Amino acid sequence: MAYALGALILIALVYAIAKAASGNRYSEMTEEEFEAEAQRSSRLGGAVAGLQKIFDPSHHVEYVQEQQERVEADGSESGDRPKAGPDSKT
């Protein structure tokens, strides 16, 4: 068990050093290249969304319901009773 933990720490350390040595790939990009990359869709994002639909198919339904409730709450009045005046019937 100790060897596995040591190997994991060593691998993480080597990865961190390699990542730091490679630099930031966005620092060398022009604005146009950055915008083009930002507009490109990620395959990983689609895969994660597909997995979420498999594991929790009701999530989208819950999200839509919460969104509708927020819209209704924003559109509704505060709930205060109108002040009784001479023209109101009580």
PDB file of N, CA and C in Angstrom:
ATOM      1  N   MET A   1       0.825  -1.196   0.000  1.00  0.00           N
ATOM      2  CA  MET A   1       0.000   0.000   0.000  1.00  0.00           C
ATOM      3  C   MET A   1       0.866   1.255   0.000  1.00  0.00           C
ATOM      4  N   ALA A   2       1.937   1.231   0.774  1.00  0.00           N
ATOM      5  CA  ALA A   2       2.827   2.389   0.854  1.00  0.00           C
ATOM      6  C   ALA A   2       3.524   2.620  -0.481  1.00  0.00           C
ATOM      7  N   TYR A   3       3.869   1.532  -1.192  1.00  0.00           N
ATOM      8  CA  TYR A   3       4.524   1.676  -2.489  1.00  0.00           C
ATOM      9  C   TYR A   3       3.578   2.310  -3.510  1.00  0.00           C
ATOM     10  N   ALA A   4       2.313   1.919  -3.462  1.00  0.00           N
ATOM     11  CA  ALA A   4       1.336   2.480  -4.393  1.00  0.00           C
ATOM     12  C   ALA A   4       1.153   3.968  -4.133  1.00  0.00           C
ATOM     13  N   LEU A   5       1.072   4.354  -2.877  1.00  0.00           N
ATOM     14  CA  LEU A   5       0.923   5.764  -2.524  1.00  0.00           C
ATOM     15  C   LEU A   5       2.161   6.543  -2.959  1.00  0.00           C
ATOM     16  N   GLY A   6       3.327   5.990  -2.734  1.00  0.00           N
ATOM     17  CA  GLY A   6       4.571   6.639  -3.158  1.00  0.00           C
ATOM     18  C   GLY A   6       4.638   6.791  -4.665  1.00  0.00           C
ATOM     19  N   ALA A   7       4.234   5.757  -5.393  1.00  0.00           N
ATOM     20  CA  ALA A   7       4.232   5.814  -6.855  1.00  0.00           C
ATOM     21  C   ALA A   7       3.249   6.869  -7.345  1.00  0.00           C
ATOM     22  N   LEU A   8       2.095   6.975  -6.712  1.00  0.00           N
ATOM     23  CA  LEU A   8       1.092   7.964  -7.087  1.00  0.00           C
ATOM     24  C   LEU A   8       1.620   9.378  -6.863  1.00  0.00           C
ATOM     25  N   ILE A   9       2.278   9.589  -5.746  1.00  0.00           N
ATOM     26  CA  ILE A   9       2.848  10.908  -5.460  1.00  0.00           C
ATOM     27  C   ILE A   9       3.948  11.237  -6.463  1.00  0.00           C
ATOM     28  N   LEU A  10       4.774  10.247  -6.809  1.00  0.00           N
ATOM     29  CA  LEU A  10       5.845  10.455  -7.782  1.00  0.00           C
ATOM     30  C   LEU A  10       5.278  10.803  -9.159  1.00  0.00           C
ATOM     31  N   ILE A  11       4.252  10.109  -9.567  1.00  0.00           N
ATOM     32  CA  ILE A  11       3.613  10.383 -10.863  1.00  0.00           C
ATOM     33  C   ILE A  11       3.008  11.784 -10.868  1.00  0.00           C
ATOM     34  N   ALA A  12       2.357  12.165  -9.771  1.00  0.00           N
ATOM     35  CA  ALA A  12       1.765  13.498  -9.678  1.00  0.00           C
ATOM     36  C   ALA A  12       2.846  14.575  -9.731  1.00  0.00           C
ATOM     37  N   LEU A  13       3.964  14.324  -9.095  1.00  0.00           N
ATOM     38  CA  LEU A  13       5.071  15.278  -9.097  1.00  0.00           C
ATOM     39  C   LEU A  13       5.664  15.428 -10.497  1.00  0.00           C
ATOM     40  N   VAL A  14       5.882  14.325 -11.190  1.00  0.00           N
ATOM     41  CA  VAL A  14       6.412  14.378 -12.555  1.00  0.00           C
ATOM     42  C   VAL A  14       5.434  15.103 -13.473  1.00  0.00           C
ATOM     43  N   TYR A  15       4.151  14.843 -13.322  1.00  0.00           N
ATOM     44  CA  TYR A  15       3.127  15.519 -14.133  1.00  0.00           C
ATOM     45  C   TYR A  15       3.138  17.022 -13.869  1.00  0.00           C
ATOM     46  N   ALA A  16       3.232  17.413 -12.599  1.00  0.00           N
ATOM     47  CA  ALA A  16       3.243  18.837 -12.257  1.00  0.00           C
ATOM     48  C   ALA A  16       4.463  19.537 -12.842  1.00  0.00           C
ATOM     49  N   ILE A  17       5.615  18.883 -12.803  1.00  0.00           N
ATOM     50  CA  ILE A  17       6.828  19.471 -13.361  1.00  0.00           C
ATOM     51  C   ILE A  17       6.707  19.607 -14.883  1.00  0.00           C
ATOM     52  N   ALA A  18       6.195  18.598 -15.526  1.00  0.00           N
ATOM     53  CA  ALA A  18       6.023  18.644 -16.983  1.00  0.00           C
ATOM     54  C   ALA A  18       5.033  19.726 -17.379  1.00  0.00           C
ATOM     55  N   LYS A  19       3.970  19.852 -16.621  1.00  0.00           N
ATOM     56  CA  LYS A  19       2.949  20.865 -16.908  1.00  0.00           C
ATOM     57  C   LYS A  19       3.519  22.271 -16.735  1.00  0.00           C
ATOM     58  N   ALA A  20       4.309  22.471 -15.671  1.00  0.00           N
ATOM     59  CA  ALA A  20       4.909  23.781 -15.425  1.00  0.00           C
ATOM     60  C   ALA A  20       5.948  24.126 -16.485  1.00  0.00           C
ATOM     61  N   ALA A  21       6.687  23.134 -16.947  1.00  0.00           N
ATOM     62  CA  ALA A  21       7.738  23.376 -17.939  1.00  0.00           C
ATOM     63  C   ALA A  21       7.160  23.674 -19.321  1.00  0.00           C
ATOM     64  N   SER A  22       5.975  23.146 -19.615  1.00  0.00           N
ATOM     65  CA  SER A  22       5.398  23.332 -20.946  1.00  0.00           C
ATOM     66  C   SER A  22       4.869  24.738 -21.156  1.00  0.00           C
ATOM     67  N   GLY A  23       4.540  25.452 -20.095  1.00  0.00           N
ATOM     68  CA  GLY A  23       4.051  26.816 -20.231  1.00  0.00           C
ATOM     69  C   GLY A  23       2.560  26.850 -20.522  1.00  0.00           C
ATOM     70  N   ASN A  24       2.052  28.042 -20.620  1.00  0.00           N
ATOM     71  CA  ASN A  24       0.633  28.247 -20.878  1.00  0.00           C
ATOM     72  C   ASN A  24       0.413  28.372 -22.378  1.00  0.00           C
ATOM     73  N   ARG A  25      -0.389  27.499 -22.940  1.00  0.00           N
ATOM     74  CA  ARG A  25      -0.577  27.523 -24.394  1.00  0.00           C
ATOM     75  C   ARG A  25      -1.356  28.749 -24.851  1.00  0.00           C
ATOM     76  N   TYR A  26      -2.113  29.379 -23.968  1.00  0.00           N
ATOM     77  CA  TYR A  26      -2.881  30.560 -24.347  1.00  0.00           C
ATOM     78  C   TYR A  26      -2.030  31.829 -24.358  1.00  0.00           C
ATOM     79  N   SER A  27      -0.867  31.806 -23.723  1.00  0.00           N
ATOM     80  CA  SER A  27      -0.044  33.010 -23.670  1.00  0.00           C
ATOM     81  C   SER A  27       0.556  33.352 -25.035  1.00  0.00           C
ATOM     82  N   GLU A  28       0.702  32.384 -25.906  1.00  0.00           N
ATOM     83  CA  GLU A  28       1.294  32.606 -27.225  1.00  0.00           C
ATOM     84  C   GLU A  28       0.250  32.816 -28.323  1.00  0.00           C
ATOM     85  N   MET A  29      -1.036  32.746 -27.986  1.00  0.00           N
ATOM     86  CA  MET A  29      -2.095  32.842 -28.992  1.00  0.00           C
ATOM     87  C   MET A  29      -2.450  34.288 -29.298  1.00  0.00           C
ATOM     88  N   THR A  30      -2.894  34.498 -30.518  1.00  0.00           N
ATOM     89  CA  THR A  30      -3.461  35.795 -30.866  1.00  0.00           C
ATOM     90  C   THR A  30      -4.924  35.797 -30.430  1.00  0.00           C
ATOM     91  N   GLU A  31      -5.535  36.946 -30.476  1.00  0.00           N
ATOM     92  CA  GLU A  31      -6.947  37.032 -30.081  1.00  0.00           C
ATOM     93  C   GLU A  31      -7.834  36.190 -30.992  1.00  0.00           C
ATOM     94  N   GLU A  32      -7.527  36.187 -32.277  1.00  0.00           N
ATOM     95  CA  GLU A  32      -8.345  35.426 -33.229  1.00  0.00           C
ATOM     96  C   GLU A  32      -8.252  33.931 -32.951  1.00  0.00           C
ATOM     97  N   GLU A  33      -7.046  33.438 -32.669  1.00  0.00           N
ATOM     98  CA  GLU A  33      -6.876  32.020 -32.356  1.00  0.00           C
ATOM     99  C   GLU A  33      -7.611  31.652 -31.068  1.00  0.00           C
ATOM    100  N   PHE A  34      -7.526  32.541 -30.080  1.00  0.00           N
ATOM    101  CA  PHE A  34      -8.209  32.284 -28.816  1.00  0.00           C
ATOM    102  C   PHE A  34      -9.718  32.230 -29.003  1.00  0.00           C
ATOM    103  N   GLU A  35     -10.267  33.174 -29.748  1.00  0.00           N
ATOM    104  CA  GLU A  35     -11.712  33.190 -30.017  1.00  0.00           C
ATOM    105  C   GLU A  35     -12.151  31.949 -30.785  1.00  0.00           C
ATOM    106  N   ALA A  36     -11.340  31.519 -31.762  1.00  0.00           N
ATOM    107  CA  ALA A  36     -11.685  30.324 -32.534  1.00  0.00           C
ATOM    108  C   ALA A  36     -11.711  29.099 -31.629  1.00  0.00           C
ATOM    109  N   GLU A  37     -10.767  28.997 -30.710  1.00  0.00           N
ATOM    110  CA  GLU A  37     -10.742  27.853 -29.808  1.00  0.00           C
ATOM    111  C   GLU A  37     -11.895  27.911 -28.808  1.00  0.00           C
ATOM    112  N   ALA A  38     -12.241  29.105 -28.388  1.00  0.00           N
ATOM    113  CA  ALA A  38     -13.348  29.250 -27.442  1.00  0.00           C
ATOM    114  C   ALA A  38     -14.682  28.883 -28.090  1.00  0.00           C
ATOM    115  N   GLN A  39     -14.833  29.134 -29.377  1.00  0.00           N
ATOM    116  CA  GLN A  39     -16.079  28.829 -30.080  1.00  0.00           C
ATOM    117  C   GLN A  39     -16.231  27.346 -30.397  1.00  0.00           C
ATOM    118  N   ARG A  40     -15.113  26.633 -30.470  1.00  0.00           N
ATOM    119  CA  ARG A  40     -15.152  25.202 -30.784  1.00  0.00           C
ATOM    120  C   ARG A  40     -15.803  24.434 -29.644  1.00  0.00           C
ATOM    121  N   SER A  41     -16.679  23.519 -29.979  1.00  0.00           N
ATOM    122  CA  SER A  41     -17.344  22.743 -28.933  1.00  0.00           C
ATOM    123  C   SER A  41     -16.429  21.620 -28.461  1.00  0.00           C
ATOM    124  N   SER A  42     -16.577  21.262 -27.221  1.00  0.00           N
ATOM    125  CA  SER A  42     -15.736  20.234 -26.626  1.00  0.00           C
ATOM    126  C   SER A  42     -16.439  18.885 -26.691  1.00  0.00           C
ATOM    127  N   ARG A  43     -15.724  17.866 -27.125  1.00  0.00           N
ATOM    128  CA  ARG A  43     -16.298  16.517 -27.142  1.00  0.00           C
ATOM    129  C   ARG A  43     -16.462  15.994 -25.727  1.00  0.00           C
ATOM    130  N   LEU A  44     -15.569  16.399 -24.844  1.00  0.00           N
ATOM    131  CA  LEU A  44     -15.645  15.959 -23.462  1.00  0.00           C
ATOM    132  C   LEU A  44     -16.916  16.504 -22.806  1.00  0.00           C
ATOM    133  N   GLY A  45     -17.286  17.735 -23.113  1.00  0.00           N
ATOM    134  CA  GLY A  45     -18.507  18.311 -22.557  1.00  0.00           C
ATOM    135  C   GLY A  45     -19.738  17.528 -22.989  1.00  0.00           C
ATOM    136  N   GLY A  46     -19.784  17.128 -24.238  1.00  0.00           N
ATOM    137  CA  GLY A  46     -20.898  16.320 -24.733  1.00  0.00           C
ATOM    138  C   GLY A  46     -20.948  14.960 -24.072  1.00  0.00           C
ATOM    139  N   ALA A  47     -19.772  14.378 -23.853  1.00  0.00           N
ATOM    140  CA  ALA A  47     -19.714  13.066 -23.200  1.00  0.00           C
ATOM    141  C   ALA A  47     -20.185  13.150 -21.761  1.00  0.00           C
ATOM    142  N   VAL A  48     -19.788  14.205 -21.064  1.00  0.00           N
ATOM    143  CA  VAL A  48     -20.217  14.387 -19.672  1.00  0.00           C
ATOM    144  C   VAL A  48     -21.732  14.604 -19.607  1.00  0.00           C
ATOM    145  N   ALA A  49     -22.268  15.380 -20.527  1.00  0.00           N
ATOM    146  CA  ALA A  49     -23.710  15.601 -20.555  1.00  0.00           C
ATOM    147  C   ALA A  49     -24.449  14.288 -20.837  1.00  0.00           C
ATOM    148  N   GLY A  50     -23.912  13.470 -21.731  1.00  0.00           N
ATOM    149  CA  GLY A  50     -24.519  12.173 -22.022  1.00  0.00           C
ATOM    150  C   GLY A  50     -24.486  11.246 -20.818  1.00  0.00           C
ATOM    151  N   LEU A  51     -23.365  11.228 -20.102  1.00  0.00           N
ATOM    152  CA  LEU A  51     -23.271  10.417 -18.889  1.00  0.00           C
ATOM    153  C   LEU A  51     -24.256  10.892 -17.826  1.00  0.00           C
ATOM    154  N   GLN A  52     -24.396  12.205 -17.706  1.00  0.00           N
ATOM    155  CA  GLN A  52     -25.327  12.726 -16.713  1.00  0.00           C
ATOM    156  C   GLN A  52     -26.759  12.313 -17.048  1.00  0.00           C
ATOM    157  N   LYS A  53     -27.103  12.307 -18.324  1.00  0.00           N
ATOM    158  CA  LYS A  53     -28.442  11.878 -18.721  1.00  0.00           C
ATOM    159  C   LYS A  53     -28.669  10.409 -18.406  1.00  0.00           C
ATOM    160  N   ILE A  54     -27.609   9.605 -18.502  1.00  0.00           N
ATOM    161  CA  ILE A  54     -27.733   8.180 -18.189  1.00  0.00           C
ATOM    162  C   ILE A  54     -27.917   7.972 -16.691  1.00  0.00           C
ATOM    163  N   PHE A  55     -27.088   8.645 -15.890  1.00  0.00           N
ATOM    164  CA  PHE A  55     -27.126   8.434 -14.444  1.00  0.00           C
ATOM    165  C   PHE A  55     -28.269   9.165 -13.756  1.00  0.00           C
ATOM    166  N   ASP A  56     -28.658  10.326 -14.269  1.00  0.00           N
ATOM    167  CA  ASP A  56     -29.721  11.109 -13.638  1.00  0.00           C
ATOM    168  C   ASP A  56     -30.627  11.686 -14.717  1.00  0.00           C
ATOM    169  N   PRO A  57     -31.513  10.854 -15.293  1.00  0.00           N
ATOM    170  CA  PRO A  57     -32.340  11.338 -16.404  1.00  0.00           C
ATOM    171  C   PRO A  57     -33.343  12.410 -16.009  1.00  0.00           C
ATOM    172  N   SER A  58     -33.675  12.512 -14.726  1.00  0.00           N
ATOM    173  CA  SER A  58     -34.661  13.509 -14.306  1.00  0.00           C
ATOM    174  C   SER A  58     -34.035  14.870 -14.059  1.00  0.00           C
ATOM    175  N   HIS A  59     -32.698  14.989 -14.169  1.00  0.00           N
ATOM    176  CA  HIS A  59     -32.029  16.258 -13.874  1.00  0.00           C
ATOM    177  C   HIS A  59     -32.534  17.373 -14.779  1.00  0.00           C
ATOM    178  N   HIS A  60     -32.663  17.105 -16.078  1.00  0.00           N
ATOM    179  CA  HIS A  60     -33.110  18.142 -17.011  1.00  0.00           C
ATOM    180  C   HIS A  60     -34.520  18.597 -16.661  1.00  0.00           C
ATOM    181  N   VAL A  61     -35.370  17.661 -16.313  1.00  0.00           N
ATOM    182  CA  VAL A  61     -36.748  18.000 -15.960  1.00  0.00           C
ATOM    183  C   VAL A  61     -36.762  18.867 -14.705  1.00  0.00           C
ATOM    184  N   GLU A  62     -35.956  18.499 -13.704  1.00  0.00           N
ATOM    185  CA  GLU A  62     -35.887  19.285 -12.473  1.00  0.00           C
ATOM    186  C   GLU A  62     -35.364  20.688 -12.760  1.00  0.00           C
ATOM    187  N   TYR A  63     -34.367  20.796 -13.631  1.00  0.00           N
ATOM    188  CA  TYR A  63     -33.793  22.093 -13.967  1.00  0.00           C
ATOM    189  C   TYR A  63     -34.829  22.977 -14.646  1.00  0.00           C
ATOM    190  N   VAL A  64     -35.587  22.412 -15.581  1.00  0.00           N
ATOM    191  CA  VAL A  64     -36.606  23.184 -16.290  1.00  0.00           C
ATOM    192  C   VAL A  64     -37.691  23.637 -15.319  1.00  0.00           C
ATOM    193  N   GLN A  65     -38.088  22.757 -14.399  1.00  0.00           N
ATOM    194  CA  GLN A  65     -39.101  23.131 -13.422  1.00  0.00           C
ATOM    195  C   GLN A  65     -38.605  24.249 -12.509  1.00  0.00           C
ATOM    196  N   GLU A  66     -37.367  24.166 -12.057  1.00  0.00           N
ATOM    197  CA  GLU A  66     -36.804  25.222 -11.219  1.00  0.00           C
ATOM    198  C   GLU A  66     -36.755  26.537 -11.973  1.00  0.00           C
ATOM    199  N   GLN A  67     -36.407  26.474 -13.247  1.00  0.00           N
ATOM    200  CA  GLN A  67     -36.338  27.681 -14.057  1.00  0.00           C
ATOM    201  C   GLN A  67     -37.732  28.307 -14.192  1.00  0.00           C
ATOM    202  N   GLN A  68     -38.744  27.494 -14.427  1.00  0.00           N
ATOM    203  CA  GLN A  68     -40.107  28.002 -14.548  1.00  0.00           C
ATOM    204  C   GLN A  68     -40.577  28.612 -13.236  1.00  0.00           C
ATOM    205  N   GLU A  69     -40.218  27.982 -12.112  1.00  0.00           N
ATOM    206  CA  GLU A  69     -40.603  28.527 -10.817  1.00  0.00           C
ATOM    207  C   GLU A  69     -39.938  29.871 -10.563  1.00  0.00           C
ATOM    208  N   ARG A  70     -38.684  30.019 -10.979  1.00  0.00           N
ATOM    209  CA  ARG A  70     -37.995  31.299 -10.816  1.00  0.00           C
ATOM    210  C   ARG A  70     -38.660  32.385 -11.647  1.00  0.00           C
ATOM    211  N   VAL A  71     -39.050  32.034 -12.882  1.00  0.00           N
ATOM    212  CA  VAL A  71     -39.705  33.010 -13.751  1.00  0.00           C
ATOM    213  C   VAL A  71     -41.036  33.427 -13.147  1.00  0.00           C
ATOM    214  N   GLU A  72     -41.789  32.465 -12.633  1.00  0.00           N
ATOM    215  CA  GLU A  72     -43.073  32.780 -12.013  1.00  0.00           C
ATOM    216  C   GLU A  72     -42.881  33.641 -10.769  1.00  0.00           C
ATOM    217  N   ALA A  73     -41.862  33.327  -9.963  1.00  0.00           N
ATOM    218  CA  ALA A  73     -41.613  34.097  -8.748  1.00  0.00           C
ATOM    219  C   ALA A  73     -41.190  35.522  -9.084  1.00  0.00           C
ATOM    220  N   ASP A  74     -40.399  35.678 -10.126  1.00  0.00           N
ATOM    221  CA  ASP A  74     -39.974  37.018 -10.525  1.00  0.00           C
ATOM    222  C   ASP A  74     -41.144  37.839 -11.057  1.00  0.00           C
ATOM    223  N   GLY A  75     -42.073  37.179 -11.712  1.00  0.00           N
ATOM    224  CA  GLY A  75     -43.199  37.882 -12.309  1.00  0.00           C
ATOM    225  C   GLY A  75     -44.353  38.129 -11.354  1.00  0.00           C
ATOM    226  N   SER A  76     -44.357  37.437 -10.237  1.00  0.00           N
ATOM    227  CA  SER A  76     -45.482  37.602  -9.318  1.00  0.00           C
ATOM    228  C   SER A  76     -45.274  38.835  -8.449  1.00  0.00           C
ATOM    229  N   GLU A  77     -46.356  39.272  -7.855  1.00  0.00           N
ATOM    230  CA  GLU A  77     -46.280  40.438  -6.981  1.00  0.00           C
ATOM    231  C   GLU A  77     -45.791  40.008  -5.617  1.00  0.00           C
ATOM    232  N   SER A  78     -45.489  40.973  -4.786  1.00  0.00           N
ATOM    233  CA  SER A  78     -44.862  40.681  -3.503  1.00  0.00           C
ATOM    234  C   SER A  78     -45.782  39.924  -2.554  1.00  0.00           C
ATOM    235  N   GLY A  79     -47.067  39.996  -2.740  1.00  0.00           N
ATOM    236  CA  GLY A  79     -47.990  39.279  -1.876  1.00  0.00           C
ATOM    237  C   GLY A  79     -48.609  40.159  -0.808  1.00  0.00           C
ATOM    238  N   ASP A  80     -48.226  41.431  -0.772  1.00  0.00           N
ATOM    239  CA  ASP A  80     -48.838  42.341   0.199  1.00  0.00           C
ATOM    240  C   ASP A  80     -50.287  42.566  -0.178  1.00  0.00           C
ATOM    241  N   ARG A  81     -51.097  42.671   0.839  1.00  0.00           N
ATOM    242  CA  ARG A  81     -52.510  42.948   0.573  1.00  0.00           C
ATOM    243  C   ARG A  81     -52.685  44.390   0.160  1.00  0.00           C
ATOM    244  N   PRO A  82     -53.606  44.643  -0.730  1.00  0.00           N
ATOM    245  CA  PRO A  82     -53.842  46.047  -1.104  1.00  0.00           C
ATOM    246  C   PRO A  82     -54.432  46.799   0.069  1.00  0.00           C
ATOM    247  N   LYS A  83     -54.087  48.062   0.163  1.00  0.00           N
ATOM    248  CA  LYS A  83     -54.607  48.888   1.253  1.00  0.00           C
ATOM    249  C   LYS A  83     -56.088  49.135   1.030  1.00  0.00           C
ATOM    250  N   ALA A  84     -56.833  49.050   2.110  1.00  0.00           N
ATOM    251  CA  ALA A  84     -58.274  49.290   2.020  1.00  0.00           C
ATOM    252  C   ALA A  84     -58.525  50.766   1.835  1.00  0.00           C
ATOM    253  N   GLY A  85     -59.260  51.072   0.826  1.00  0.00           N
ATOM    254  CA  GLY A  85     -59.577  52.468   0.530  1.00  0.00           C
ATOM    255  C   GLY A  85     -61.077  52.615   0.422  1.00  0.00           C
ATOM    256  N   PRO A  86     -61.533  53.808   0.127  1.00  0.00           N
ATOM    257  CA  PRO A  86     -62.972  54.029   0.043  1.00  0.00           C
ATOM    258  C   PRO A  86     -63.622  53.287  -1.122  1.00  0.00           C
ATOM    259  N   ASP A  87     -62.877  52.984  -2.166  1.00  0.00           N
ATOM    260  CA  ASP A  87     -63.477  52.323  -3.321  1.00  0.00           C
ATOM    261  C   ASP A  87     -63.349  50.813  -3.269  1.00  0.00           C
ATOM    262  N   SER A  88     -62.634  50.263  -2.279  1.00  0.00           N
ATOM    263  CA  SER A  88     -62.488  48.804  -2.210  1.00  0.00           C
ATOM    264  C   SER A  88     -63.602  48.210  -1.371  1.00  0.00           C
ATOM    265  N   LYS A  89     -63.997  47.006  -1.731  1.00  0.00           N
ATOM    266  CA  LYS A  89     -65.063  46.313  -1.008  1.00  0.00           C
ATOM    267  C   LYS A  89     -64.439  45.308  -0.068  1.00  0.00           C
ATOM    268  N   THR A  90     -64.713  45.441   1.247  1.00  0.00           N
ATOM    269  CA  THR A  90     -64.214  44.499   2.236  1.00  0.00           C
ATOM    270  C   THR A  90     -65.292  43.968   3.099  1.00  0.00           C
TER     271      THR A  90
END
